[in-house]
Amino acid sequence: MSSLQLSSPIPKFLSQVSKLVYLNLENNQCTGSIPLSLSELKNLESLFLERNRLIGLMSKSFGQFNIINPPNFYFSHNQLTGSIPKSLGNFNFGLIDLSRIKLVGDASMLFNLDRPTSKIDISWNLFDFDPSIVRFQKGLDILDLSHNRIRGSIPKQLGQDVFPMSLFNVSYNQSCGEIPTQTNTRIGFDESAYIHNRCSCGQLLESKCKYAKMD
């Protein structure tokens, strides 16, 4: 039901379609909040709600989806507010897109070394956390953290060969420190991935890293 100019709230009766595995309402004008009852769809594999006019908080009910096989979430370009429910940290999801929404707070619960996640896009929000203390998924192909309030340094973990990502972006944040050298040769890891940070430095940027002199 995508791109149909639907302008009503998301119908609550959808939660009664127990065998539903795919729900696409993207690119409409759906209003109101995301029904809490959608979490009752235990067979749901993908939930497309991006580019609507949805408002309100992301409810804790999202933690009630099937934890073993959670759906891929596409919620970008809405007007949701508040923080991410900590319950999402229990999921082994494959993909999550929360870009361009207005979310705040800590998003570090989305990252875990052993999860099978291929894409995380949380760009254009107001997230504030330190990625240097996060253990990123080895299977990440796309990681977009740009246009937030992310602080700390770029993790050296992302410079390892086990992270052959096709796209990485941490631009327009508040990060500091040296960019891991090995990441500079990756596809999509050019200067544009790091610009407009508070004090990042390295080979790709004009600013050289300053190291304290040892006595």
N, C-alpha and C. Protein backbone atom coordinates (compact mmCIF):
# COMPACT_ATOMS: atom_id res chain seq x y z
N MET A 1 0.83 -1.20 0.00
CA MET A 1 0.00 0.00 0.00
C MET A 1 0.86 1.25 0.00
N SER A 2 1.98 1.21 -0.67
CA SER A 2 2.87 2.36 -0.72
C SER A 2 2.46 3.34 -1.81
N SER A 3 2.79 4.62 -1.59
CA SER A 3 2.58 5.68 -2.59
C SER A 3 1.15 5.76 -3.08
N LEU A 4 0.21 5.71 -2.15
CA LEU A 4 -1.22 5.80 -2.51
C LEU A 4 -1.87 7.07 -1.95
N GLN A 5 -1.07 7.96 -1.36
CA GLN A 5 -1.57 9.18 -0.75
C GLN A 5 -2.56 8.90 0.39
N LEU A 6 -2.37 7.81 1.08
CA LEU A 6 -3.20 7.51 2.24
C LEU A 6 -2.95 8.56 3.32
N SER A 7 -4.01 9.03 3.94
CA SER A 7 -3.87 10.12 4.91
C SER A 7 -4.47 9.80 6.27
N SER A 8 -4.85 8.59 6.51
CA SER A 8 -5.45 8.20 7.78
C SER A 8 -4.40 7.60 8.70
N PRO A 9 -4.72 7.43 9.98
CA PRO A 9 -3.82 6.70 10.87
C PRO A 9 -3.64 5.26 10.41
N ILE A 10 -2.57 4.62 10.86
CA ILE A 10 -2.35 3.21 10.51
C ILE A 10 -3.42 2.37 11.18
N PRO A 11 -4.15 1.56 10.41
CA PRO A 11 -5.27 0.78 10.98
C PRO A 11 -4.79 -0.20 12.05
N LYS A 12 -5.47 -0.22 13.19
CA LYS A 12 -5.10 -1.12 14.27
C LYS A 12 -5.46 -2.57 13.96
N PHE A 13 -6.40 -2.76 13.03
CA PHE A 13 -6.82 -4.13 12.73
C PHE A 13 -5.72 -4.94 12.05
N LEU A 14 -4.67 -4.27 11.56
CA LEU A 14 -3.58 -5.00 10.91
C LEU A 14 -2.93 -6.00 11.85
N SER A 15 -2.99 -5.72 13.14
CA SER A 15 -2.39 -6.63 14.12
C SER A 15 -3.11 -7.96 14.19
N GLN A 16 -4.31 -8.02 13.63
CA GLN A 16 -5.09 -9.26 13.65
C GLN A 16 -4.75 -10.17 12.48
N VAL A 17 -3.96 -9.66 11.53
CA VAL A 17 -3.55 -10.47 10.38
C VAL A 17 -2.29 -11.24 10.81
N SER A 18 -2.49 -12.30 11.55
CA SER A 18 -1.41 -12.96 12.28
C SER A 18 -0.32 -13.55 11.37
N LYS A 19 -0.66 -13.84 10.12
CA LYS A 19 0.32 -14.44 9.21
C LYS A 19 1.04 -13.40 8.35
N LEU A 20 0.80 -12.13 8.63
CA LEU A 20 1.41 -11.07 7.84
C LEU A 20 2.93 -11.08 8.01
N VAL A 21 3.65 -11.09 6.90
CA VAL A 21 5.12 -11.10 6.94
C VAL A 21 5.73 -9.84 6.33
N TYR A 22 4.93 -9.05 5.61
CA TYR A 22 5.47 -7.88 4.91
C TYR A 22 4.41 -6.79 4.91
N LEU A 23 4.76 -5.62 5.44
CA LEU A 23 3.83 -4.50 5.49
C LEU A 23 4.52 -3.25 4.98
N ASN A 24 4.01 -2.70 3.88
CA ASN A 24 4.62 -1.53 3.26
C ASN A 24 3.60 -0.41 3.13
N LEU A 25 3.80 0.64 3.93
CA LEU A 25 2.95 1.83 3.89
C LEU A 25 3.79 3.07 3.57
N GLU A 26 4.94 2.89 2.98
CA GLU A 26 5.85 4.01 2.76
C GLU A 26 5.31 5.00 1.74
N ASN A 27 5.83 6.22 1.86
CA ASN A 27 5.51 7.29 0.91
C ASN A 27 4.02 7.58 0.82
N ASN A 28 3.40 7.72 1.98
CA ASN A 28 2.01 8.14 2.06
C ASN A 28 1.93 9.38 2.96
N GLN A 29 0.80 9.65 3.50
CA GLN A 29 0.62 10.76 4.43
C GLN A 29 -0.06 10.27 5.71
N CYS A 30 0.30 9.06 6.11
CA CYS A 30 -0.29 8.47 7.31
C CYS A 30 0.03 9.34 8.53
N THR A 31 -0.95 9.51 9.38
CA THR A 31 -0.82 10.38 10.54
C THR A 31 -0.93 9.58 11.84
N GLY A 32 -0.78 10.28 12.95
CA GLY A 32 -0.90 9.63 14.25
C GLY A 32 0.35 8.87 14.63
N SER A 33 0.23 8.05 15.63
CA SER A 33 1.37 7.28 16.13
C SER A 33 1.37 5.87 15.55
N ILE A 34 2.49 5.17 15.74
CA ILE A 34 2.59 3.78 15.29
C ILE A 34 1.81 2.91 16.28
N PRO A 35 0.81 2.17 15.81
CA PRO A 35 0.00 1.36 16.73
C PRO A 35 0.84 0.38 17.55
N LEU A 36 0.62 0.35 18.84
CA LEU A 36 1.34 -0.58 19.71
C LEU A 36 1.05 -2.02 19.33
N SER A 37 -0.11 -2.24 18.78
CA SER A 37 -0.55 -3.60 18.47
C SER A 37 0.26 -4.25 17.35
N LEU A 38 1.01 -3.46 16.56
CA LEU A 38 1.80 -4.06 15.48
C LEU A 38 2.84 -5.03 16.02
N SER A 39 3.24 -4.83 17.27
CA SER A 39 4.24 -5.73 17.87
C SER A 39 3.70 -7.13 18.07
N GLU A 40 2.39 -7.32 17.90
CA GLU A 40 1.78 -8.64 18.04
C GLU A 40 1.98 -9.48 16.78
N LEU A 41 2.50 -8.88 15.72
CA LEU A 41 2.72 -9.60 14.46
C LEU A 41 4.04 -10.37 14.55
N LYS A 42 4.00 -11.55 15.07
CA LYS A 42 5.20 -12.33 15.35
C LYS A 42 5.87 -12.89 14.10
N ASN A 43 5.18 -12.85 12.95
CA ASN A 43 5.76 -13.37 11.71
C ASN A 43 6.26 -12.26 10.79
N LEU A 44 6.14 -11.03 11.25
CA LEU A 44 6.50 -9.89 10.41
C LEU A 44 8.02 -9.86 10.17
N GLU A 45 8.40 -9.73 8.89
CA GLU A 45 9.81 -9.71 8.51
C GLU A 45 10.28 -8.32 8.10
N SER A 46 9.39 -7.48 7.58
CA SER A 46 9.76 -6.12 7.16
C SER A 46 8.60 -5.18 7.41
N LEU A 47 8.93 -4.01 7.97
CA LEU A 47 7.92 -3.00 8.28
C LEU A 47 8.37 -1.66 7.67
N PHE A 48 7.72 -1.26 6.58
CA PHE A 48 8.06 -0.03 5.87
C PHE A 48 7.06 1.07 6.23
N LEU A 49 7.53 2.04 6.99
CA LEU A 49 6.67 3.17 7.38
C LEU A 49 7.30 4.51 7.02
N GLU A 50 8.38 4.51 6.24
CA GLU A 50 9.08 5.76 5.98
C GLU A 50 8.28 6.71 5.09
N ARG A 51 8.65 7.99 5.21
CA ARG A 51 8.05 9.06 4.42
C ARG A 51 6.54 9.15 4.63
N ASN A 52 6.18 9.33 5.89
CA ASN A 52 4.80 9.60 6.27
C ASN A 52 4.79 10.81 7.21
N ARG A 53 3.72 10.97 7.96
CA ARG A 53 3.61 12.06 8.92
C ARG A 53 3.35 11.52 10.32
N LEU A 54 3.99 10.43 10.62
CA LEU A 54 3.82 9.78 11.91
C LEU A 54 4.48 10.58 13.02
N ILE A 55 3.85 10.64 14.17
CA ILE A 55 4.34 11.42 15.30
C ILE A 55 4.37 10.54 16.55
N GLY A 56 4.87 11.12 17.63
CA GLY A 56 4.84 10.42 18.90
C GLY A 56 6.14 9.71 19.21
N LEU A 57 6.15 9.05 20.35
CA LEU A 57 7.33 8.33 20.81
C LEU A 57 7.40 6.94 20.21
N MET A 58 8.62 6.40 20.16
CA MET A 58 8.78 4.99 19.82
C MET A 58 8.50 4.18 21.08
N SER A 59 7.44 3.44 21.07
CA SER A 59 6.99 2.76 22.27
C SER A 59 7.88 1.59 22.67
N LYS A 60 7.86 1.27 23.97
CA LYS A 60 8.56 0.09 24.47
C LYS A 60 8.00 -1.19 23.87
N SER A 61 6.81 -1.10 23.28
CA SER A 61 6.19 -2.29 22.70
C SER A 61 7.01 -2.86 21.54
N PHE A 62 7.92 -2.05 20.96
CA PHE A 62 8.75 -2.58 19.89
C PHE A 62 9.63 -3.71 20.38
N GLY A 63 9.86 -3.75 21.67
CA GLY A 63 10.63 -4.85 22.23
C GLY A 63 9.84 -6.13 22.35
N GLN A 64 8.58 -6.13 21.92
CA GLN A 64 7.74 -7.32 22.00
C GLN A 64 7.67 -8.07 20.67
N PHE A 65 8.33 -7.53 19.64
CA PHE A 65 8.41 -8.27 18.39
C PHE A 65 9.19 -9.56 18.61
N ASN A 66 9.15 -10.43 17.63
CA ASN A 66 9.87 -11.70 17.71
C ASN A 66 11.37 -11.43 17.85
N ILE A 67 11.93 -11.68 19.01
CA ILE A 67 13.34 -11.37 19.26
C ILE A 67 14.26 -12.25 18.42
N ILE A 68 13.89 -13.49 18.18
CA ILE A 68 14.72 -14.40 17.42
C ILE A 68 14.79 -13.97 15.96
N ASN A 69 13.67 -13.54 15.41
CA ASN A 69 13.63 -13.13 14.01
C ASN A 69 12.86 -11.81 13.89
N PRO A 70 13.42 -10.71 14.37
CA PRO A 70 12.71 -9.42 14.36
C PRO A 70 12.61 -8.86 12.95
N PRO A 71 11.63 -8.00 12.70
CA PRO A 71 11.48 -7.41 11.37
C PRO A 71 12.54 -6.35 11.10
N ASN A 72 12.77 -6.10 9.81
CA ASN A 72 13.57 -4.95 9.42
C ASN A 72 12.71 -3.70 9.56
N PHE A 73 13.25 -2.66 10.19
CA PHE A 73 12.50 -1.44 10.44
C PHE A 73 12.93 -0.34 9.47
N TYR A 74 11.95 0.23 8.77
CA TYR A 74 12.18 1.38 7.90
C TYR A 74 11.25 2.50 8.37
N PHE A 75 11.77 3.41 9.20
CA PHE A 75 10.93 4.45 9.80
C PHE A 75 11.36 5.87 9.40
N SER A 76 12.26 6.02 8.47
CA SER A 76 12.85 7.32 8.18
C SER A 76 11.85 8.33 7.65
N HIS A 77 12.22 9.61 7.74
CA HIS A 77 11.41 10.72 7.24
C HIS A 77 10.02 10.74 7.87
N ASN A 78 9.98 10.72 9.18
CA ASN A 78 8.75 10.91 9.94
C ASN A 78 9.01 11.97 11.00
N GLN A 79 8.11 12.14 11.91
CA GLN A 79 8.26 13.16 12.96
C GLN A 79 8.18 12.53 14.34
N LEU A 80 8.71 11.32 14.45
CA LEU A 80 8.78 10.66 15.74
C LEU A 80 9.73 11.43 16.66
N THR A 81 9.51 11.35 17.95
CA THR A 81 10.32 12.09 18.91
C THR A 81 10.75 11.18 20.06
N GLY A 82 11.60 11.72 20.91
CA GLY A 82 12.03 10.97 22.08
C GLY A 82 13.23 10.09 21.79
N SER A 83 13.45 9.11 22.63
CA SER A 83 14.61 8.24 22.52
C SER A 83 14.22 6.85 22.03
N ILE A 84 15.23 6.07 21.68
CA ILE A 84 15.01 4.69 21.24
C ILE A 84 14.74 3.80 22.45
N PRO A 85 13.71 2.98 22.41
CA PRO A 85 13.47 2.06 23.54
C PRO A 85 14.66 1.12 23.75
N LYS A 86 15.08 0.96 24.98
CA LYS A 86 16.20 0.07 25.28
C LYS A 86 15.92 -1.36 24.86
N SER A 87 14.63 -1.70 24.74
CA SER A 87 14.24 -3.05 24.36
C SER A 87 14.74 -3.43 22.97
N LEU A 88 15.01 -2.43 22.11
CA LEU A 88 15.54 -2.74 20.78
C LEU A 88 16.94 -3.34 20.88
N GLY A 89 17.60 -3.14 22.00
CA GLY A 89 18.91 -3.71 22.19
C GLY A 89 18.91 -5.22 22.32
N ASN A 90 17.74 -5.82 22.44
CA ASN A 90 17.64 -7.28 22.55
C ASN A 90 17.51 -7.96 21.20
N PHE A 91 17.42 -7.16 20.13
CA PHE A 91 17.10 -7.71 18.81
C PHE A 91 18.33 -8.07 18.00
N ASN A 92 18.23 -9.16 17.25
CA ASN A 92 19.22 -9.52 16.25
C ASN A 92 18.70 -9.14 14.87
N PHE A 93 18.35 -7.87 14.72
CA PHE A 93 17.74 -7.43 13.47
C PHE A 93 18.76 -7.38 12.35
N GLY A 94 18.25 -7.46 11.10
CA GLY A 94 19.12 -7.41 9.94
C GLY A 94 19.33 -6.00 9.41
N LEU A 95 18.32 -5.15 9.56
CA LEU A 95 18.41 -3.79 9.02
C LEU A 95 17.51 -2.86 9.83
N ILE A 96 17.99 -1.64 10.07
CA ILE A 96 17.17 -0.65 10.75
C ILE A 96 17.50 0.74 10.19
N ASP A 97 16.46 1.47 9.79
CA ASP A 97 16.62 2.81 9.24
C ASP A 97 15.75 3.77 10.07
N LEU A 98 16.42 4.59 10.88
CA LEU A 98 15.75 5.57 11.73
C LEU A 98 16.19 6.98 11.36
N SER A 99 16.58 7.18 10.12
CA SER A 99 17.14 8.46 9.70
C SER A 99 16.07 9.54 9.54
N ARG A 100 16.50 10.78 9.76
CA ARG A 100 15.68 11.96 9.53
C ARG A 100 14.34 11.89 10.29
N ILE A 101 14.45 11.72 11.60
CA ILE A 101 13.23 11.61 12.41
C ILE A 101 13.16 12.68 13.50
N LYS A 102 14.19 12.94 14.28
CA LYS A 102 14.23 13.87 15.42
C LYS A 102 14.43 13.12 16.73
N LEU A 103 14.98 11.93 16.67
CA LEU A 103 15.20 11.15 17.88
C LEU A 103 16.42 11.67 18.65
N VAL A 104 16.43 11.45 19.96
CA VAL A 104 17.49 11.97 20.82
C VAL A 104 18.06 10.85 21.68
N GLY A 105 19.15 11.19 22.41
CA GLY A 105 19.67 10.28 23.42
C GLY A 105 20.68 9.27 22.90
N ASP A 106 20.72 8.14 23.56
CA ASP A 106 21.72 7.10 23.32
C ASP A 106 21.20 6.09 22.31
N ALA A 107 22.00 5.81 21.28
CA ALA A 107 21.63 4.79 20.29
C ALA A 107 22.60 3.61 20.31
N SER A 108 23.45 3.55 21.32
CA SER A 108 24.49 2.52 21.34
C SER A 108 23.93 1.11 21.51
N MET A 109 22.68 1.00 22.00
CA MET A 109 22.11 -0.34 22.17
C MET A 109 21.87 -1.06 20.84
N LEU A 110 21.94 -0.32 19.74
CA LEU A 110 21.72 -0.92 18.42
C LEU A 110 22.93 -1.72 17.94
N PHE A 111 24.06 -1.58 18.64
CA PHE A 111 25.30 -2.19 18.16
C PHE A 111 25.73 -3.33 19.07
N ASN A 112 26.14 -4.41 18.41
CA ASN A 112 26.61 -5.59 19.14
C ASN A 112 27.44 -6.42 18.18
N LEU A 113 28.60 -6.83 18.61
CA LEU A 113 29.57 -7.50 17.75
C LEU A 113 29.00 -8.74 17.06
N ASP A 114 28.13 -9.46 17.73
CA ASP A 114 27.68 -10.76 17.22
C ASP A 114 26.34 -10.71 16.48
N ARG A 115 25.79 -9.53 16.29
CA ARG A 115 24.51 -9.45 15.58
C ARG A 115 24.69 -9.54 14.06
N PRO A 116 23.70 -10.07 13.34
CA PRO A 116 23.80 -10.24 11.89
C PRO A 116 23.32 -9.02 11.11
N THR A 117 23.55 -7.82 11.62
CA THR A 117 23.02 -6.61 11.01
C THR A 117 23.86 -6.18 9.81
N SER A 118 23.18 -5.82 8.71
CA SER A 118 23.89 -5.37 7.52
C SER A 118 23.81 -3.87 7.30
N LYS A 119 22.77 -3.21 7.85
CA LYS A 119 22.63 -1.77 7.64
C LYS A 119 22.04 -1.12 8.88
N ILE A 120 22.68 -0.03 9.32
CA ILE A 120 22.15 0.83 10.37
C ILE A 120 22.27 2.28 9.91
N ASP A 121 21.16 2.93 9.75
CA ASP A 121 21.14 4.34 9.35
C ASP A 121 20.38 5.13 10.40
N ILE A 122 21.12 5.91 11.19
CA ILE A 122 20.48 6.75 12.21
C ILE A 122 20.86 8.21 11.98
N SER A 123 21.14 8.57 10.73
CA SER A 123 21.58 9.91 10.40
C SER A 123 20.47 10.95 10.57
N TRP A 124 20.89 12.21 10.69
CA TRP A 124 19.96 13.33 10.79
C TRP A 124 19.01 13.20 11.99
N ASN A 125 19.58 12.94 13.14
CA ASN A 125 18.84 12.93 14.39
C ASN A 125 19.61 13.77 15.41
N LEU A 126 19.36 13.56 16.68
CA LEU A 126 20.06 14.28 17.74
C LEU A 126 20.67 13.29 18.73
N PHE A 127 21.17 12.16 18.22
CA PHE A 127 21.75 11.15 19.08
C PHE A 127 23.08 11.62 19.67
N ASP A 128 23.32 11.24 20.90
CA ASP A 128 24.52 11.65 21.62
C ASP A 128 25.09 10.44 22.34
N PHE A 129 26.18 9.85 21.79
CA PHE A 129 26.86 8.75 22.44
C PHE A 129 28.29 8.67 21.91
N ASP A 130 29.10 7.88 22.54
CA ASP A 130 30.50 7.75 22.19
C ASP A 130 30.73 6.42 21.46
N PRO A 131 30.97 6.43 20.14
CA PRO A 131 31.13 5.18 19.39
C PRO A 131 32.43 4.44 19.71
N SER A 132 33.37 5.11 20.39
CA SER A 132 34.64 4.45 20.69
C SER A 132 34.49 3.34 21.72
N ILE A 133 33.37 3.32 22.44
CA ILE A 133 33.15 2.26 23.43
C ILE A 133 32.13 1.23 22.93
N VAL A 134 31.81 1.30 21.65
CA VAL A 134 30.81 0.41 21.05
C VAL A 134 31.51 -0.70 20.29
N ARG A 135 30.94 -1.90 20.32
CA ARG A 135 31.45 -3.03 19.52
C ARG A 135 30.52 -3.22 18.33
N PHE A 136 30.97 -2.81 17.14
CA PHE A 136 30.13 -2.84 15.96
C PHE A 136 30.00 -4.24 15.38
N GLN A 137 28.87 -4.48 14.72
CA GLN A 137 28.63 -5.76 14.08
C GLN A 137 29.65 -6.01 12.95
N LYS A 138 30.16 -7.22 12.86
CA LYS A 138 31.13 -7.55 11.82
C LYS A 138 30.50 -7.56 10.44
N GLY A 139 29.20 -7.82 10.36
CA GLY A 139 28.56 -7.93 9.06
C GLY A 139 28.01 -6.63 8.50
N LEU A 140 28.32 -5.51 9.14
CA LEU A 140 27.79 -4.23 8.67
C LEU A 140 28.30 -3.90 7.27
N ASP A 141 27.38 -3.55 6.39
CA ASP A 141 27.73 -3.10 5.05
C ASP A 141 27.52 -1.59 4.91
N ILE A 142 26.50 -1.06 5.60
CA ILE A 142 26.19 0.36 5.58
C ILE A 142 26.03 0.85 7.01
N LEU A 143 26.77 1.89 7.36
CA LEU A 143 26.67 2.50 8.68
C LEU A 143 26.71 4.01 8.51
N ASP A 144 25.58 4.66 8.76
CA ASP A 144 25.48 6.11 8.60
C ASP A 144 25.12 6.74 9.95
N LEU A 145 26.07 7.45 10.53
CA LEU A 145 25.89 8.13 11.81
C LEU A 145 25.91 9.64 11.65
N SER A 146 25.89 10.13 10.44
CA SER A 146 26.10 11.55 10.16
C SER A 146 24.97 12.43 10.70
N HIS A 147 25.31 13.71 10.90
CA HIS A 147 24.35 14.72 11.33
C HIS A 147 23.67 14.35 12.66
N ASN A 148 24.51 14.15 13.67
CA ASN A 148 24.03 13.90 15.02
C ASN A 148 24.89 14.71 15.99
N ARG A 149 24.96 14.27 17.23
CA ARG A 149 25.81 14.90 18.23
C ARG A 149 26.79 13.88 18.80
N ILE A 150 27.22 12.99 17.95
CA ILE A 150 28.11 11.90 18.38
C ILE A 150 29.48 12.45 18.74
N ARG A 151 29.99 12.01 19.88
CA ARG A 151 31.26 12.51 20.40
C ARG A 151 32.26 11.36 20.50
N GLY A 152 33.42 11.66 21.04
CA GLY A 152 34.44 10.63 21.16
C GLY A 152 35.21 10.46 19.86
N SER A 153 35.97 9.39 19.75
CA SER A 153 36.80 9.15 18.58
C SER A 153 36.19 8.07 17.68
N ILE A 154 36.69 8.03 16.44
CA ILE A 154 36.28 6.97 15.51
C ILE A 154 36.93 5.67 15.96
N PRO A 155 36.18 4.62 16.22
CA PRO A 155 36.76 3.38 16.77
C PRO A 155 37.80 2.76 15.84
N LYS A 156 38.92 2.36 16.41
CA LYS A 156 39.94 1.66 15.63
C LYS A 156 39.42 0.34 15.08
N GLN A 157 38.41 -0.18 15.73
CA GLN A 157 37.78 -1.43 15.29
C GLN A 157 37.33 -1.35 13.84
N LEU A 158 36.89 -0.16 13.40
CA LEU A 158 36.38 0.00 12.05
C LEU A 158 37.50 0.01 11.01
N GLY A 159 38.74 0.04 11.45
CA GLY A 159 39.86 -0.02 10.52
C GLY A 159 40.35 -1.43 10.26
N GLN A 160 39.72 -2.40 10.85
CA GLN A 160 40.15 -3.78 10.69
C GLN A 160 39.56 -4.40 9.43
N ASP A 161 40.21 -5.42 8.92
CA ASP A 161 39.80 -6.04 7.67
C ASP A 161 38.47 -6.76 7.75
N VAL A 162 37.97 -7.00 8.96
CA VAL A 162 36.69 -7.71 9.10
C VAL A 162 35.52 -6.76 8.89
N PHE A 163 35.80 -5.48 8.59
CA PHE A 163 34.73 -4.51 8.37
C PHE A 163 34.83 -3.91 6.96
N PRO A 164 34.57 -4.72 5.92
CA PRO A 164 34.64 -4.21 4.54
C PRO A 164 33.36 -3.50 4.12
N MET A 165 33.00 -2.44 4.82
CA MET A 165 31.75 -1.74 4.54
C MET A 165 31.81 -0.99 3.22
N SER A 166 30.66 -0.91 2.55
CA SER A 166 30.57 -0.16 1.31
C SER A 166 30.25 1.31 1.56
N LEU A 167 29.69 1.63 2.73
CA LEU A 167 29.40 3.02 3.07
C LEU A 167 29.54 3.22 4.56
N PHE A 168 30.27 4.27 4.93
CA PHE A 168 30.42 4.68 6.31
C PHE A 168 30.44 6.20 6.35
N ASN A 169 29.66 6.80 7.26
CA ASN A 169 29.60 8.25 7.32
C ASN A 169 29.40 8.69 8.76
N VAL A 170 30.33 9.51 9.25
CA VAL A 170 30.22 10.06 10.60
C VAL A 170 30.38 11.58 10.56
N SER A 171 30.13 12.17 9.38
CA SER A 171 30.29 13.61 9.21
C SER A 171 29.25 14.40 10.00
N TYR A 172 29.56 15.68 10.24
CA TYR A 172 28.66 16.59 10.95
C TYR A 172 28.28 16.06 12.33
N ASN A 173 29.33 15.81 13.12
CA ASN A 173 29.15 15.40 14.50
C ASN A 173 30.13 16.16 15.38
N GLN A 174 30.45 15.62 16.52
CA GLN A 174 31.37 16.27 17.45
C GLN A 174 32.52 15.35 17.83
N SER A 175 32.87 14.45 16.94
CA SER A 175 33.92 13.47 17.25
C SER A 175 35.31 14.11 17.17
N CYS A 176 36.25 13.47 17.84
CA CYS A 176 37.64 13.94 17.91
C CYS A 176 38.58 12.76 17.70
N GLY A 177 39.85 13.08 17.52
CA GLY A 177 40.86 12.04 17.45
C GLY A 177 41.20 11.63 16.03
N GLU A 178 42.15 10.73 15.93
CA GLU A 178 42.68 10.30 14.63
C GLU A 178 41.76 9.29 13.95
N ILE A 179 41.59 9.48 12.64
CA ILE A 179 40.81 8.54 11.84
C ILE A 179 41.62 7.28 11.64
N PRO A 180 41.08 6.09 11.90
CA PRO A 180 41.82 4.85 11.69
C PRO A 180 42.34 4.76 10.26
N THR A 181 43.62 4.56 10.12
CA THR A 181 44.28 4.64 8.81
C THR A 181 43.72 3.65 7.81
N GLN A 182 43.49 2.42 8.21
CA GLN A 182 43.08 1.39 7.27
C GLN A 182 41.74 1.68 6.62
N THR A 183 40.87 2.42 7.29
CA THR A 183 39.56 2.70 6.72
C THR A 183 39.64 3.65 5.54
N ASN A 184 40.76 4.36 5.38
CA ASN A 184 40.86 5.37 4.33
C ASN A 184 40.81 4.78 2.93
N THR A 185 41.09 3.49 2.79
CA THR A 185 41.11 2.89 1.47
C THR A 185 39.80 2.20 1.11
N ARG A 186 38.84 2.21 2.02
CA ARG A 186 37.58 1.53 1.78
C ARG A 186 36.68 2.34 0.84
N ILE A 187 35.83 1.65 0.11
CA ILE A 187 34.87 2.30 -0.75
C ILE A 187 33.94 3.16 0.10
N GLY A 188 33.80 4.42 -0.24
CA GLY A 188 32.93 5.30 0.51
C GLY A 188 33.57 5.93 1.73
N PHE A 189 34.83 5.57 2.01
CA PHE A 189 35.52 6.11 3.18
C PHE A 189 36.46 7.23 2.75
N ASP A 190 35.95 8.24 2.07
CA ASP A 190 36.77 9.37 1.67
C ASP A 190 36.58 10.52 2.66
N GLU A 191 37.10 11.67 2.31
CA GLU A 191 37.06 12.82 3.22
C GLU A 191 35.64 13.19 3.63
N SER A 192 34.70 13.03 2.71
CA SER A 192 33.32 13.44 2.99
C SER A 192 32.69 12.64 4.13
N ALA A 193 33.26 11.50 4.46
CA ALA A 193 32.72 10.68 5.53
C ALA A 193 33.08 11.22 6.91
N TYR A 194 34.01 12.18 6.98
CA TYR A 194 34.52 12.63 8.27
C TYR A 194 34.43 14.15 8.48
N ILE A 195 34.07 14.91 7.47
CA ILE A 195 34.15 16.37 7.57
C ILE A 195 33.16 16.94 8.59
N HIS A 196 33.44 18.15 9.01
CA HIS A 196 32.60 18.90 9.94
C HIS A 196 32.40 18.17 11.27
N ASN A 197 33.55 17.74 11.81
CA ASN A 197 33.57 17.24 13.17
C ASN A 197 34.40 18.21 14.01
N ARG A 198 34.29 18.09 15.31
CA ARG A 198 34.89 19.08 16.19
C ARG A 198 36.41 19.09 16.12
N CYS A 199 37.02 17.91 16.18
CA CYS A 199 38.49 17.88 16.16
C CYS A 199 39.01 16.53 15.65
N SER A 200 38.39 16.00 14.61
CA SER A 200 38.94 14.80 13.98
C SER A 200 40.18 15.17 13.17
N CYS A 201 41.08 14.24 13.01
CA CYS A 201 42.32 14.53 12.29
C CYS A 201 42.80 13.26 11.60
N GLY A 202 43.78 13.41 10.72
CA GLY A 202 44.31 12.26 10.02
C GLY A 202 44.70 12.58 8.59
N GLN A 203 45.06 11.55 7.84
CA GLN A 203 45.59 11.72 6.49
C GLN A 203 44.58 12.34 5.53
N LEU A 204 43.31 12.03 5.70
CA LEU A 204 42.31 12.53 4.76
C LEU A 204 41.92 13.98 5.01
N LEU A 205 42.15 14.47 6.20
CA LEU A 205 41.72 15.81 6.56
C LEU A 205 42.91 16.77 6.59
N GLU A 206 42.63 18.03 6.48
CA GLU A 206 43.69 19.03 6.48
C GLU A 206 44.36 19.15 7.84
N SER A 207 43.62 18.88 8.91
CA SER A 207 44.19 19.01 10.25
C SER A 207 45.04 17.81 10.61
N LYS A 208 46.26 18.07 11.04
CA LYS A 208 47.17 17.01 11.46
C LYS A 208 46.94 16.71 12.93
N CYS A 209 47.15 15.46 13.29
CA CYS A 209 46.96 15.06 14.68
C CYS A 209 48.13 15.56 15.52
N LYS A 210 47.82 16.08 16.67
CA LYS A 210 48.83 16.58 17.58
C LYS A 210 48.97 15.59 18.74
N TYR A 211 50.17 15.14 18.94
CA TYR A 211 50.43 14.18 20.00
C TYR A 211 51.22 14.87 21.13
N ALA A 212 50.84 14.54 22.33
CA ALA A 212 51.55 15.14 23.48
C ALA A 212 52.97 14.62 23.54
N LYS A 213 53.91 15.53 23.86
CA LYS A 213 55.31 15.13 23.99
C LYS A 213 55.54 14.42 25.31
N MET A 214 56.31 13.35 25.24
CA MET A 214 56.61 12.59 26.44
C MET A 214 57.86 13.18 27.10
N ASP A 215 57.88 13.26 28.42
CA ASP A 215 59.05 13.77 29.15
C ASP A 215 60.17 12.73 29.13
